[in-house]
Amino acid sequence: MPALPALPAPDDTDAVVAWVAEHLGDLTREAAGDVRPGGHRGGQTAADVALAGLDVTGYARTRSNVLPVERQGASRVSPYLTHGLLDLPTVWDAVADAPSGDRRKYRDELLWQEYARHVYARVGPATREPLRREPPHPDVDPDWDERMACIGWVQDQLEQDGWLVNQVRTWWASHWTVRHGRDWRDGEDHFYRHLLDGSRAANRLGWQWTIGAGTGKPYGFSRWQVEKRASELCGSCVLRDACPVQEWPDAHPGPTVEHAPVRIGHAAGAPGPGPDTPVVEGGASAVWLTPESMGDADPALEAHPDLPVVYVFDEPKLAELRWSGKRLVFLAETLADLATRRDVEVRRGVVGEELAGRSVAVTFAPVPWFTRRSADVDVAALHPWRWLERPTSQRLTSYSAWRKGVRR
């Protein structure tokens, strides 16, 4: 398939949205005419602004605040981490001068992200297998009262902005699974389609934590959390005097970690940690950029500053996933921003076919998608992923156990 037309200027949001609607709109979950941006702008320039303004003072106390929005203590840099516009080591160093308690708590969250990536690199597609064989509370009505202000607000934020404070992610996941017995995998897919920071590694691990996989302790969602973190939602709710989540939910305990698949070695289809150093087998004619590593500090981009860049919107995969258009707008803005500094070619189709006849340099990505697609590409230079803590043979039975073995 021919290369797609040049991207608009990155600061022309309307033009970028129109470009996505015209050239990728048939791959989104919305109709092409309903494509819109999310609450974060894509691109290295936007990521650099977010990093420059990163201040985690008070983070330990305010990270779970929901409303009012101005009281939220979350850093909001997660979409830039998911797509490699910022990497975990860079953000780790950026908070070095923060108050000690806030620094420790924030870095602990970064390490949790790293742990999720370790699990995904070790287990791969098996992370989709349920760590428990039944819902936490299977004998319940899968439907709920749509008039609930708290759940309605979360859904609106998810669909409109594509980003949520972690606190409300757990509210929704618990409401979906623990209270209403729905399959966590369907809920995880719903989040993944909408979240600008949607990551199979972190998203799946978060949903499994909510249902008590490994710990045996499902997370309960009740009115108490909403009153504490977003009391105005309860105050405005038509069900405030007949709240469906007034009491703590019943839930069966989950299995112990002894039965969790994360105890296995490297599962079939799992990508592993990738190379320690660049693997060069020939001369590259272009840098192949992937969704996991799109920043200026991408190792392949840095190592080959004079080569053109090619990005392929993976048509079969996107047709399967049916992402919200705002995720594709974020990626398009990122590529448009990069095009102000590098020669960028954007394509759509089957990755191996679109890159046929080219020898490329690329940065390894610890996701099964990269393992499958790179097998069909002539990779002349494979550059290492920038781990915060490089994976070892350490057992990944729980975050707390893994954390004890981390050097940082």
Protein backbone atom coordinates (compact mmCIF):
# COMPACT_ATOMS: atom_id res chain seq x y z
CA MET A 1 0.00 0.00 0.00
CA PRO A 2 1.39 3.49 -0.78
CA ALA A 3 2.55 5.67 2.09
CA LEU A 4 -0.18 7.73 3.70
CA PRO A 5 -0.28 11.47 2.96
CA ALA A 6 1.91 13.73 5.07
CA LEU A 7 0.62 14.48 8.55
CA PRO A 8 -0.65 17.97 9.40
CA ALA A 9 1.17 20.29 11.78
CA PRO A 10 1.15 18.74 15.26
CA ASP A 11 -0.45 21.79 16.89
CA ASP A 12 -3.40 21.75 14.48
CA THR A 13 -5.57 19.34 16.43
CA ASP A 14 -8.56 19.64 14.12
CA ALA A 15 -6.43 18.80 11.11
CA VAL A 16 -4.85 15.79 12.85
CA VAL A 17 -8.29 14.51 13.85
CA ALA A 18 -9.47 14.92 10.25
CA TRP A 19 -6.38 13.04 8.99
CA VAL A 20 -7.07 10.14 11.37
CA ALA A 21 -10.76 10.07 10.45
CA GLU A 22 -9.95 9.96 6.72
CA HIS A 23 -7.09 7.47 6.72
CA LEU A 24 -7.73 5.32 9.83
CA GLY A 25 -11.33 6.03 10.78
CA ASP A 26 -12.61 2.67 9.50
CA LEU A 27 -10.37 0.94 12.08
CA THR A 28 -11.77 2.75 15.12
CA ARG A 29 -14.64 1.71 17.36
CA GLU A 30 -16.50 4.92 16.52
CA ALA A 31 -17.73 6.01 13.14
CA ALA A 32 -15.04 7.99 11.29
CA GLY A 33 -17.03 11.19 11.74
CA ASP A 34 -17.00 10.73 15.52
CA VAL A 35 -13.20 10.58 15.93
CA ARG A 36 -12.02 13.14 18.48
CA PRO A 37 -8.92 13.85 20.59
CA GLY A 38 -8.52 12.74 24.18
CA GLY A 39 -7.38 14.73 27.18
CA HIS A 40 -3.62 14.46 26.44
CA ARG A 41 -1.80 15.79 23.40
CA GLY A 42 0.58 13.37 21.76
CA GLY A 43 4.19 14.08 20.86
CA GLN A 44 7.63 14.56 22.35
CA THR A 45 7.03 18.28 22.75
CA ALA A 46 3.96 17.65 24.93
CA ALA A 47 5.83 14.95 26.87
CA ASP A 48 8.73 17.31 27.55
CA VAL A 49 6.33 19.95 28.85
CA ALA A 50 4.74 17.38 31.17
CA LEU A 51 8.14 16.27 32.42
CA ALA A 52 9.30 19.84 33.01
CA GLY A 53 6.19 20.49 35.09
CA LEU A 54 6.38 17.23 37.06
CA ASP A 55 6.15 18.06 40.75
CA VAL A 56 5.26 15.19 43.08
CA THR A 57 5.26 17.28 46.25
CA GLY A 58 2.28 16.00 48.22
CA TYR A 59 1.91 12.95 45.97
CA ALA A 60 1.69 10.44 48.82
CA ARG A 61 -1.27 12.32 50.28
CA THR A 62 -3.10 13.40 47.12
CA ARG A 63 -2.45 10.70 44.50
CA SER A 64 -5.89 9.11 45.07
CA ASN A 65 -7.89 12.37 45.05
CA VAL A 66 -10.62 12.33 42.40
CA LEU A 67 -12.69 15.51 42.67
CA PRO A 68 -12.40 18.37 42.41
CA VAL A 69 -9.98 17.88 39.54
CA GLU A 70 -7.61 20.61 40.76
CA ARG A 71 -6.94 18.53 43.88
CA GLN A 72 -5.81 15.47 41.97
CA GLY A 73 -2.22 14.58 42.81
CA ALA A 74 -1.65 12.09 40.00
CA SER A 75 1.18 13.07 37.66
CA ARG A 76 -0.72 12.37 34.39
CA VAL A 77 2.45 11.34 32.53
CA SER A 78 1.35 7.73 32.00
CA PRO A 79 0.37 8.09 28.29
CA TYR A 80 3.89 9.32 27.57
CA LEU A 81 5.38 6.36 29.46
CA THR A 82 3.21 3.84 27.62
CA HIS A 83 4.42 5.04 24.22
CA GLY A 84 8.03 5.64 25.14
CA LEU A 85 7.94 9.42 24.85
CA LEU A 86 9.27 9.31 28.38
CA ASP A 87 10.98 6.25 29.83
CA LEU A 88 10.87 5.04 33.42
CA PRO A 89 14.57 5.77 34.18
CA THR A 90 14.13 9.39 33.03
CA VAL A 91 11.04 9.95 35.15
CA TRP A 92 12.70 8.17 38.09
CA ASP A 93 15.58 10.65 37.97
CA ALA A 94 13.24 13.62 37.47
CA VAL A 95 11.79 13.27 40.99
CA ALA A 96 15.13 12.87 42.76
CA ASP A 97 14.73 16.16 44.65
CA ALA A 98 11.12 15.63 45.74
CA PRO A 99 10.27 15.31 49.48
CA SER A 100 11.39 11.87 50.62
CA GLY A 101 7.95 10.41 51.38
CA ASP A 102 6.49 11.61 48.10
CA ARG A 103 9.56 10.49 46.17
CA ARG A 104 9.35 6.99 47.65
CA LYS A 105 5.66 6.65 46.91
CA TYR A 106 5.98 7.92 43.35
CA ARG A 107 8.97 5.74 42.61
CA ASP A 108 7.09 2.78 44.04
CA GLU A 109 4.42 3.41 41.40
CA LEU A 110 7.09 3.49 38.70
CA LEU A 111 8.43 0.19 39.96
CA TRP A 112 4.94 -1.29 39.83
CA GLN A 113 4.82 -0.32 36.16
CA GLU A 114 8.18 -1.99 35.68
CA TYR A 115 7.00 -5.13 37.49
CA ALA A 116 3.98 -5.31 35.16
CA ARG A 117 6.34 -5.19 32.19
CA HIS A 118 8.49 -7.95 33.71
CA VAL A 119 5.44 -10.18 34.11
CA TYR A 120 4.33 -9.48 30.54
CA ALA A 121 7.82 -10.14 29.18
CA ARG A 122 7.95 -13.44 31.12
CA VAL A 123 4.40 -14.67 30.50
CA GLY A 124 3.20 -12.83 27.39
CA PRO A 125 -0.23 -13.86 26.08
CA ALA A 126 -0.79 -16.08 29.14
CA THR A 127 -1.53 -12.91 31.15
CA ARG A 128 -4.98 -13.11 29.59
CA GLU A 129 -5.65 -16.43 31.29
CA PRO A 130 -7.63 -15.94 34.50
CA LEU A 131 -5.55 -16.37 37.62
CA ARG A 132 -8.78 -17.43 39.29
CA ARG A 133 -11.23 -19.80 37.66
CA GLU A 134 -14.45 -18.03 38.58
CA PRO A 135 -15.60 -14.46 39.25
CA PRO A 136 -15.16 -13.22 42.84
CA HIS A 137 -18.93 -13.22 43.31
CA PRO A 138 -20.54 -15.28 40.52
CA ASP A 139 -24.16 -15.36 41.71
CA VAL A 140 -25.01 -11.72 41.00
CA ASP A 141 -26.84 -9.69 38.40
CA PRO A 142 -24.35 -8.62 35.69
CA ASP A 143 -26.31 -5.40 35.10
CA TRP A 144 -26.34 -2.27 37.26
CA ASP A 145 -28.34 0.90 37.64
CA GLU A 146 -27.04 3.27 34.98
CA ARG A 147 -28.14 6.28 37.04
CA MET A 148 -25.21 5.90 39.48
CA ALA A 149 -23.34 9.22 39.34
CA CYS A 150 -19.99 7.73 40.35
CA ILE A 151 -19.92 5.01 37.70
CA GLY A 152 -21.41 7.31 35.07
CA TRP A 153 -18.71 9.90 35.74
CA VAL A 154 -15.95 7.29 35.37
CA GLN A 155 -17.42 6.08 32.09
CA ASP A 156 -17.64 9.63 30.74
CA GLN A 157 -14.02 10.35 31.66
CA LEU A 158 -12.88 7.10 30.08
CA GLU A 159 -14.70 7.72 26.81
CA GLN A 160 -14.03 11.45 26.53
CA ASP A 161 -10.53 11.95 27.96
CA GLY A 162 -9.04 8.47 27.78
CA TRP A 163 -7.36 8.88 31.14
CA LEU A 164 -8.41 8.09 34.73
CA VAL A 165 -6.94 8.49 38.19
CA ASN A 166 -5.92 5.04 39.39
CA GLN A 167 -8.44 5.23 42.24
CA VAL A 168 -11.43 5.28 39.90
CA ARG A 169 -9.94 2.57 37.71
CA THR A 170 -10.18 0.24 40.70
CA TRP A 171 -13.72 1.46 41.47
CA TRP A 172 -14.86 0.55 37.99
CA ALA A 173 -12.98 -2.77 37.86
CA SER A 174 -14.36 -3.83 41.24
CA HIS A 175 -17.90 -2.78 40.29
CA TRP A 176 -17.57 -4.75 37.05
CA THR A 177 -16.20 -7.95 38.57
CA VAL A 178 -16.67 -8.19 42.33
CA ARG A 179 -20.18 -6.71 42.48
CA HIS A 180 -21.54 -7.84 39.13
CA GLY A 181 -19.62 -10.98 38.29
CA ARG A 182 -18.55 -9.91 34.82
CA ASP A 183 -15.43 -11.39 33.22
CA TRP A 184 -12.40 -9.25 34.04
CA ARG A 185 -11.03 -9.81 30.55
CA ASP A 186 -14.00 -8.05 28.96
CA GLY A 187 -13.54 -5.12 31.34
CA GLU A 188 -9.83 -4.98 30.64
CA ASP A 189 -10.52 -4.92 26.90
CA HIS A 190 -12.97 -2.05 27.44
CA PHE A 191 -10.31 -0.03 29.26
CA TYR A 192 -7.63 -0.91 26.74
CA ARG A 193 -9.70 0.37 23.83
CA HIS A 194 -10.12 3.79 25.44
CA LEU A 195 -7.14 4.56 27.69
CA LEU A 196 -4.40 6.68 26.15
CA ASP A 197 -2.02 4.89 28.52
CA GLY A 198 -3.59 1.53 27.68
CA SER A 199 -0.96 -1.13 28.26
CA ARG A 200 -1.65 -4.85 28.25
CA ALA A 201 1.03 -5.26 30.90
CA ALA A 202 -0.22 -2.74 33.47
CA ASN A 203 -3.91 -2.91 32.52
CA ARG A 204 -4.17 -6.69 32.87
CA LEU A 205 -2.20 -6.79 36.08
CA GLY A 206 -4.40 -4.06 37.58
CA TRP A 207 -7.62 -5.88 36.72
CA GLN A 208 -6.28 -9.15 38.11
CA TRP A 209 -5.22 -7.41 41.30
CA THR A 210 -8.76 -6.05 41.67
CA ILE A 211 -10.35 -9.50 41.54
CA GLY A 212 -7.84 -10.81 44.07
CA ALA A 213 -5.79 -12.94 41.70
CA GLY A 214 -2.67 -14.03 43.55
CA THR A 215 -3.48 -12.20 46.78
CA GLY A 216 -6.85 -13.86 47.41
CA LYS A 217 -8.25 -10.47 48.49
CA PRO A 218 -10.67 -8.89 46.00
CA TYR A 219 -10.85 -5.11 46.12
CA GLY A 220 -14.22 -3.96 47.42
CA PHE A 221 -15.88 -0.84 46.07
CA SER A 222 -18.52 0.95 48.12
CA ARG A 223 -19.96 4.39 48.73
CA TRP A 224 -17.32 5.03 51.38
CA GLN A 225 -14.58 5.48 48.74
CA VAL A 226 -16.72 7.89 46.71
CA GLU A 227 -17.66 9.99 49.73
CA LYS A 228 -13.98 10.24 50.67
CA ARG A 229 -12.54 10.98 47.22
CA ALA A 230 -15.39 12.62 45.26
CA SER A 231 -18.22 13.51 47.61
CA GLU A 232 -19.91 15.81 45.09
CA LEU A 233 -20.79 12.74 43.00
CA CYS A 234 -22.81 11.30 45.87
CA GLY A 235 -24.38 14.68 46.56
CA SER A 236 -25.63 15.00 42.99
CA CYS A 237 -26.69 11.37 42.52
CA VAL A 238 -30.39 10.57 42.09
CA LEU A 239 -29.71 7.36 44.02
CA ARG A 240 -28.08 9.05 47.00
CA ASP A 241 -30.90 7.85 49.30
CA ALA A 242 -30.97 4.37 47.79
CA CYS A 243 -27.30 3.80 46.95
CA PRO A 244 -26.61 0.42 45.26
CA VAL A 245 -23.07 0.40 46.70
CA GLN A 246 -23.90 1.60 50.19
CA GLU A 247 -22.45 -1.50 51.86
CA TRP A 248 -19.24 -3.42 51.32
CA PRO A 249 -19.68 -6.12 48.65
CA ASP A 250 -19.57 -9.82 49.35
CA ALA A 251 -16.83 -11.68 47.55
CA HIS A 252 -15.33 -15.13 47.62
CA PRO A 253 -11.58 -15.21 48.36
CA GLY A 254 -9.35 -15.72 45.38
CA PRO A 255 -6.69 -18.40 44.95
CA THR A 256 -3.28 -18.04 46.50
CA VAL A 257 -0.35 -17.05 44.37
CA GLU A 258 0.82 -20.67 44.34
CA HIS A 259 -1.68 -21.27 41.54
CA ALA A 260 -0.86 -18.20 39.48
CA PRO A 261 0.69 -18.64 36.02
CA VAL A 262 3.33 -15.99 36.81
CA ARG A 263 5.34 -18.68 38.59
CA ILE A 264 6.15 -20.37 35.30
CA GLY A 265 9.29 -19.70 33.34
CA HIS A 266 9.27 -17.94 30.00
CA ALA A 267 5.97 -18.95 28.43
CA ALA A 268 5.51 -19.72 24.77
CA GLY A 269 5.03 -16.48 22.87
CA ALA A 270 6.52 -14.35 25.63
CA PRO A 271 9.04 -11.81 24.36
CA GLY A 272 11.61 -11.93 27.18
CA PRO A 273 13.82 -8.96 28.12
CA GLY A 274 15.54 -8.47 24.77
CA PRO A 275 19.25 -7.91 24.12
CA ASP A 276 21.65 -6.26 26.56
CA THR A 277 23.52 -4.44 23.82
CA PRO A 278 22.74 -3.57 20.18
CA VAL A 279 22.66 -6.53 17.81
CA VAL A 280 23.89 -5.31 14.42
CA GLU A 281 23.74 -7.66 11.45
CA GLY A 282 24.00 -5.20 8.59
CA GLY A 283 23.36 -1.70 7.42
CA ALA A 284 19.94 -0.21 8.02
CA SER A 285 18.14 2.02 5.53
CA ALA A 286 15.46 3.26 7.93
CA VAL A 287 14.43 3.33 11.56
CA TRP A 288 11.24 1.37 12.23
CA LEU A 289 9.32 3.04 15.02
CA THR A 290 6.82 1.00 17.08
CA PRO A 291 3.97 2.10 19.41
CA GLU A 292 5.95 1.19 22.54
CA SER A 293 8.92 3.44 21.80
CA MET A 294 8.12 6.64 19.90
CA GLY A 295 10.20 9.24 21.71
CA ASP A 296 13.25 11.16 20.55
CA ALA A 297 15.31 9.13 23.02
CA ASP A 298 14.32 5.85 21.37
CA PRO A 299 17.65 3.98 21.17
CA ALA A 300 17.31 3.19 17.47
CA LEU A 301 16.45 6.82 16.66
CA GLU A 302 19.41 8.07 18.68
CA ALA A 303 21.82 5.57 17.13
CA HIS A 304 20.79 6.42 13.56
CA PRO A 305 20.16 10.18 13.50
CA ASP A 306 20.46 10.48 9.72
CA LEU A 307 18.11 7.68 8.70
CA PRO A 308 14.48 8.26 7.72
CA VAL A 309 11.80 6.96 10.07
CA VAL A 310 8.94 4.67 9.08
CA TYR A 311 5.86 3.88 11.16
CA VAL A 312 3.22 1.34 10.13
CA PHE A 313 -0.32 1.44 11.44
CA ASP A 314 -0.86 -2.31 11.75
CA GLU A 315 -4.15 -2.69 9.89
CA PRO A 316 -5.00 -6.30 10.88
CA LYS A 317 -4.23 -5.66 14.54
CA LEU A 318 -6.10 -2.36 14.70
CA ALA A 319 -9.08 -3.93 12.94
CA GLU A 320 -9.09 -6.60 15.66
CA LEU A 321 -8.63 -4.20 18.59
CA ARG A 322 -11.03 -1.47 17.46
CA TRP A 323 -9.35 1.22 19.54
CA SER A 324 -11.13 4.45 20.23
CA GLY A 325 -10.11 7.08 17.69
CA LYS A 326 -8.56 9.22 20.40
CA ARG A 327 -5.78 6.65 20.79
CA LEU A 328 -4.96 6.94 17.10
CA VAL A 329 -5.12 10.73 17.30
CA PHE A 330 -2.53 10.58 20.10
CA LEU A 331 -0.24 8.43 17.93
CA ALA A 332 -0.77 10.66 14.89
CA GLU A 333 0.07 13.79 16.92
CA THR A 334 3.22 12.03 18.12
CA LEU A 335 4.31 11.21 14.58
CA ALA A 336 3.44 14.71 13.38
CA ASP A 337 5.57 16.19 16.13
CA LEU A 338 8.49 13.91 15.27
CA ALA A 339 8.13 14.91 11.61
CA THR A 340 9.16 18.45 12.54
CA ARG A 341 12.63 17.05 13.34
CA ARG A 342 13.00 13.87 11.28
CA ASP A 343 11.97 12.52 7.90
CA VAL A 344 8.90 10.44 8.83
CA GLU A 345 6.99 8.10 6.53
CA VAL A 346 3.65 6.77 7.75
CA ARG A 347 2.08 3.66 6.27
CA ARG A 348 -0.95 1.46 6.87
CA GLY A 349 -1.17 -2.28 6.20
CA VAL A 350 0.51 -5.55 7.15
CA VAL A 351 3.78 -4.65 8.84
CA GLY A 352 5.95 -7.24 7.09
CA GLU A 353 4.56 -6.27 3.70
CA GLU A 354 4.88 -2.53 4.27
CA LEU A 355 8.53 -2.90 5.30
CA ALA A 356 9.42 -5.44 2.61
CA GLY A 357 12.70 -4.67 0.87
CA ARG A 358 14.02 -2.50 3.71
CA SER A 359 16.65 -3.27 6.31
CA VAL A 360 15.62 -1.48 9.46
CA ALA A 361 16.98 -0.47 12.82
CA VAL A 362 14.48 -0.84 15.64
CA THR A 363 14.30 -0.83 19.41
CA PHE A 364 13.22 -4.07 21.03
CA ALA A 365 9.83 -3.91 22.75
CA PRO A 366 8.95 -6.41 25.51
CA VAL A 367 5.51 -7.21 24.09
CA PRO A 368 4.32 -10.24 22.08
CA TRP A 369 3.23 -8.00 19.18
CA PHE A 370 6.84 -6.98 18.55
CA THR A 371 8.08 -10.57 18.67
CA ARG A 372 5.52 -11.64 16.06
CA ARG A 373 5.85 -8.66 13.72
CA SER A 374 9.66 -8.36 13.80
CA ALA A 375 9.92 -11.98 12.62
CA ASP A 376 8.57 -10.77 9.25
CA VAL A 377 10.92 -7.79 9.00
CA ASP A 378 14.57 -7.53 7.93
CA VAL A 379 16.01 -6.21 11.20
CA ALA A 380 19.57 -5.04 10.56
CA ALA A 381 20.07 -3.49 14.00
CA LEU A 382 18.14 -4.39 17.14
CA HIS A 383 18.60 -1.97 20.03
CA PRO A 384 17.95 -2.74 23.72
CA TRP A 385 14.85 -1.67 25.61
CA ARG A 386 15.55 0.85 28.38
CA TRP A 387 14.57 -1.05 31.50
CA LEU A 388 14.39 0.59 34.89
CA GLU A 389 15.42 -2.74 36.39
CA ARG A 390 16.51 -5.31 33.84
CA PRO A 391 14.63 -8.61 34.21
CA THR A 392 16.40 -11.56 35.74
CA SER A 393 15.32 -15.08 36.67
CA GLN A 394 13.73 -13.70 39.84
CA ARG A 395 10.34 -15.24 40.63
CA LEU A 396 7.42 -12.96 39.86
CA THR A 397 4.92 -14.36 42.34
CA SER A 398 3.98 -10.94 43.72
CA TYR A 399 4.99 -7.31 43.45
CA SER A 400 6.05 -7.13 47.10
CA ALA A 401 8.33 -10.18 46.75
CA TRP A 402 9.82 -8.83 43.52
CA ARG A 403 10.30 -5.39 45.08
CA LYS A 404 12.53 -6.80 47.81
CA GLY A 405 15.00 -7.97 45.20
CA VAL A 406 15.15 -4.68 43.30
CA ARG A 407 18.39 -2.77 43.70
CA ARG A 408 16.87 0.70 43.40
